[in-house]
């Protein structure tokens, strides 16, 4: 799966994309692309926790994205700064529920265009 890497891609997504808050801890920016595949990125601050916690969030996210691969879209998942140990104590069920909510909202906004 390709990912967004260049600063140009992030700036274009920020300028032209749609933005919404999926939960109190997750925000999403998305836009259609010409790449004919899904491209994704993560914005996870070091304040979210140690490397183990940040990598767990990204791993769980990749698992969720696999179900959404047939779309032509750029997505940036932004994990907001929360109090200490919030992400460490986040359960997989809460995470999956939030990502399903994201993808449902993205589907409705992409189909509307």
C-alpha atoms as a PDB file:
ATOM      1  CA  UNK A   1       0.000   0.000   0.000  1.00  0.00           C
ATOM      2  CA  UNK A   2       1.457   3.368  -0.955  1.00  0.00           C
ATOM      3  CA  UNK A   3       1.596   6.120   1.623  1.00  0.00           C
ATOM      4  CA  UNK A   4       1.773   9.890   1.529  1.00  0.00           C
ATOM      5  CA  UNK A   5       5.338  10.957   2.116  1.00  0.00           C
ATOM      6  CA  UNK A   6       6.148  14.265   0.463  1.00  0.00           C
ATOM      7  CA  UNK A   7       5.409  17.601   2.034  1.00  0.00           C
ATOM      8  CA  UNK A   8       3.724  18.623  -1.212  1.00  0.00           C
ATOM      9  CA  UNK A   9       1.152  15.843  -0.791  1.00  0.00           C
ATOM     10  CA  UNK A  10       0.396  16.888   2.793  1.00  0.00           C
ATOM     11  CA  UNK A  11       0.032  20.545   1.831  1.00  0.00           C
ATOM     12  CA  UNK A  12      -2.278  19.696  -1.075  1.00  0.00           C
ATOM     13  CA  UNK A  13      -4.397  17.520   1.199  1.00  0.00           C
ATOM     14  CA  UNK A  14      -4.588  20.294   3.791  1.00  0.00           C
ATOM     15  CA  UNK A  15      -5.501  22.938   1.192  1.00  0.00           C
ATOM     16  CA  UNK A  16      -7.921  21.010  -1.037  1.00  0.00           C
ATOM     17  CA  UNK A  17      -9.116  18.157   1.149  1.00  0.00           C
ATOM     18  CA  UNK A  18     -12.060  17.754   3.483  1.00  0.00           C
ATOM     19  CA  UNK A  19     -11.480  17.695   7.227  1.00  0.00           C
ATOM     20  CA  UNK A  20     -13.600  16.302  10.049  1.00  0.00           C
ATOM     21  CA  UNK A  21     -13.324  15.075  13.627  1.00  0.00           C
ATOM     22  CA  UNK A  22     -14.248  11.414  13.858  1.00  0.00           C
ATOM     23  CA  UNK A  23     -13.926  11.281  17.650  1.00  0.00           C
ATOM     24  CA  UNK A  24     -12.542  13.493  20.386  1.00  0.00           C
ATOM     25  CA  UNK A  25      -9.136  11.907  19.773  1.00  0.00           C
ATOM     26  CA  UNK A  26      -9.078  11.372  15.978  1.00  0.00           C
ATOM     27  CA  UNK A  27      -9.330  13.850  13.115  1.00  0.00           C
ATOM     28  CA  UNK A  28      -9.253  12.981   9.426  1.00  0.00           C
ATOM     29  CA  UNK A  29      -8.316  14.890   6.300  1.00  0.00           C
ATOM     30  CA  UNK A  30      -9.147  13.304   2.940  1.00  0.00           C
ATOM     31  CA  UNK A  31      -9.368  14.051  -0.769  1.00  0.00           C
ATOM     32  CA  UNK A  32      -9.765  12.102  -4.015  1.00  0.00           C
ATOM     33  CA  UNK A  33      -6.547  11.371  -5.904  1.00  0.00           C
ATOM     34  CA  UNK A  34      -5.473  10.472  -9.424  1.00  0.00           C
ATOM     35  CA  UNK A  35      -3.298   7.548  -8.328  1.00  0.00           C
ATOM     36  CA  UNK A  36      -6.134   4.973  -8.683  1.00  0.00           C
ATOM     37  CA  UNK A  37      -5.347   3.622  -5.210  1.00  0.00           C
ATOM     38  CA  UNK A  38      -5.675   4.576  -1.574  1.00  0.00           C
ATOM     39  CA  UNK A  39      -2.767   6.531  -0.085  1.00  0.00           C
ATOM     40  CA  UNK A  40      -2.614   7.163   3.651  1.00  0.00           C
ATOM     41  CA  UNK A  41      -0.553   8.919   6.298  1.00  0.00           C
ATOM     42  CA  UNK A  42      -0.424   9.261  10.064  1.00  0.00           C
ATOM     43  CA  UNK A  43       0.129  12.328  12.168  1.00  0.00           C
ATOM     44  CA  UNK A  44       1.030  11.053  15.616  1.00  0.00           C
ATOM     45  CA  UNK A  45       2.808  13.345  18.036  1.00  0.00           C
ATOM     46  CA  UNK A  46       5.373  12.059  20.491  1.00  0.00           C
ATOM     47  CA  UNK A  47       2.967  13.332  23.137  1.00  0.00           C
ATOM     48  CA  UNK A  48       0.677  10.425  22.183  1.00  0.00           C
ATOM     49  CA  UNK A  49       3.026   8.041  23.942  1.00  0.00           C
ATOM     50  CA  UNK A  50       6.220   6.114  23.495  1.00  0.00           C
ATOM     51  CA  UNK A  51       7.254   4.453  20.226  1.00  0.00           C
ATOM     52  CA  UNK A  52       5.541   1.195  21.155  1.00  0.00           C
ATOM     53  CA  UNK A  53       2.199   2.957  21.591  1.00  0.00           C
ATOM     54  CA  UNK A  54       2.554   5.056  18.420  1.00  0.00           C
ATOM     55  CA  UNK A  55       3.517   2.002  16.365  1.00  0.00           C
ATOM     56  CA  UNK A  56       0.566   0.036  17.774  1.00  0.00           C
ATOM     57  CA  UNK A  57      -1.813   2.791  16.622  1.00  0.00           C
ATOM     58  CA  UNK A  58      -0.300   2.735  13.136  1.00  0.00           C
ATOM     59  CA  UNK A  59      -0.405  -1.068  12.961  1.00  0.00           C
ATOM     60  CA  UNK A  60      -4.066  -1.146  13.972  1.00  0.00           C
ATOM     61  CA  UNK A  61      -4.760   1.563  11.399  1.00  0.00           C
ATOM     62  CA  UNK A  62      -3.098  -0.418   8.606  1.00  0.00           C
ATOM     63  CA  UNK A  63      -5.306  -3.391   9.494  1.00  0.00           C
ATOM     64  CA  UNK A  64      -8.395  -1.202   9.155  1.00  0.00           C
ATOM     65  CA  UNK A  65      -7.214   0.337   5.876  1.00  0.00           C
ATOM     66  CA  UNK A  66      -6.865  -3.100   4.269  1.00  0.00           C
ATOM     67  CA  UNK A  67     -10.662  -3.336   4.255  1.00  0.00           C
ATOM     68  CA  UNK A  68     -10.897   0.031   2.475  1.00  0.00           C
ATOM     69  CA  UNK A  69      -8.297  -0.514  -0.271  1.00  0.00           C
ATOM     70  CA  UNK A  70     -10.547  -0.234  -3.323  1.00  0.00           C
ATOM     71  CA  UNK A  71     -10.893   3.555  -3.068  1.00  0.00           C
ATOM     72  CA  UNK A  72      -8.989   6.282  -4.918  1.00  0.00           C
ATOM     73  CA  UNK A  73      -8.372   8.603  -2.013  1.00  0.00           C
ATOM     74  CA  UNK A  74      -5.668  10.272   0.068  1.00  0.00           C
ATOM     75  CA  UNK A  75      -6.232  10.134   3.827  1.00  0.00           C
ATOM     76  CA  UNK A  76      -4.324  11.626   6.747  1.00  0.00           C
ATOM     77  CA  UNK A  77      -5.259  10.317  10.192  1.00  0.00           C
ATOM     78  CA  UNK A  78      -4.440  12.866  12.884  1.00  0.00           C
ATOM     79  CA  UNK A  79      -4.201  11.573  16.431  1.00  0.00           C
ATOM     80  CA  UNK A  80      -4.844  14.541  18.718  1.00  0.00           C
ATOM     81  CA  UNK A  81      -2.862  15.240  21.862  1.00  0.00           C
ATOM     82  CA  UNK A  82      -4.630  13.752  24.847  1.00  0.00           C
ATOM     83  CA  UNK A  83      -3.760  13.302  28.488  1.00  0.00           C
ATOM     84  CA  UNK A  84      -0.953  10.966  29.455  1.00  0.00           C
ATOM     85  CA  UNK A  85      -1.576   7.258  28.813  1.00  0.00           C
ATOM     86  CA  UNK A  86      -4.820   7.863  26.873  1.00  0.00           C
ATOM     87  CA  UNK A  87      -3.588   6.030  23.766  1.00  0.00           C
ATOM     88  CA  UNK A  88      -1.818   3.421  25.845  1.00  0.00           C
ATOM     89  CA  UNK A  89      -5.158   2.491  27.429  1.00  0.00           C
ATOM     90  CA  UNK A  90      -7.165   2.717  24.186  1.00  0.00           C
ATOM     91  CA  UNK A  91      -8.741  -0.644  23.332  1.00  0.00           C
ATOM     92  CA  UNK A  92      -8.784  -2.231  19.915  1.00  0.00           C
ATOM     93  CA  UNK A  93     -12.599  -2.206  19.931  1.00  0.00           C
ATOM     94  CA  UNK A  94     -12.719   1.573  20.486  1.00  0.00           C
ATOM     95  CA  UNK A  95     -10.111   2.047  17.771  1.00  0.00           C
ATOM     96  CA  UNK A  96     -11.972  -0.122  15.239  1.00  0.00           C
ATOM     97  CA  UNK A  97     -15.258   1.632  16.012  1.00  0.00           C
ATOM     98  CA  UNK A  98     -13.668   5.055  15.371  1.00  0.00           C
ATOM     99  CA  UNK A  99     -12.065   3.950  12.098  1.00  0.00           C
ATOM    100  CA  UNK A 100     -15.308   2.408  10.826  1.00  0.00           C
ATOM    101  CA  UNK A 101     -17.024   5.702  11.604  1.00  0.00           C
ATOM    102  CA  UNK A 102     -14.294   7.507   9.617  1.00  0.00           C
ATOM    103  CA  UNK A 103     -14.638   5.273   6.585  1.00  0.00           C
ATOM    104  CA  UNK A 104     -18.430   5.533   6.644  1.00  0.00           C
ATOM    105  CA  UNK A 105     -18.223   9.334   6.660  1.00  0.00           C
ATOM    106  CA  UNK A 106     -15.568   9.320   3.919  1.00  0.00           C
ATOM    107  CA  UNK A 107     -17.763   7.057   1.782  1.00  0.00           C
ATOM    108  CA  UNK A 108     -20.709   9.441   2.063  1.00  0.00           C
ATOM    109  CA  UNK A 109     -18.655  12.557   1.264  1.00  0.00           C
ATOM    110  CA  UNK A 110     -16.791  10.923  -1.644  1.00  0.00           C
ATOM    111  CA  UNK A 111     -20.034   9.583  -3.129  1.00  0.00           C
ATOM    112  CA  UNK A 112     -21.621  13.038  -2.825  1.00  0.00           C
ATOM    113  CA  UNK A 113     -18.944  14.564  -5.100  1.00  0.00           C
END
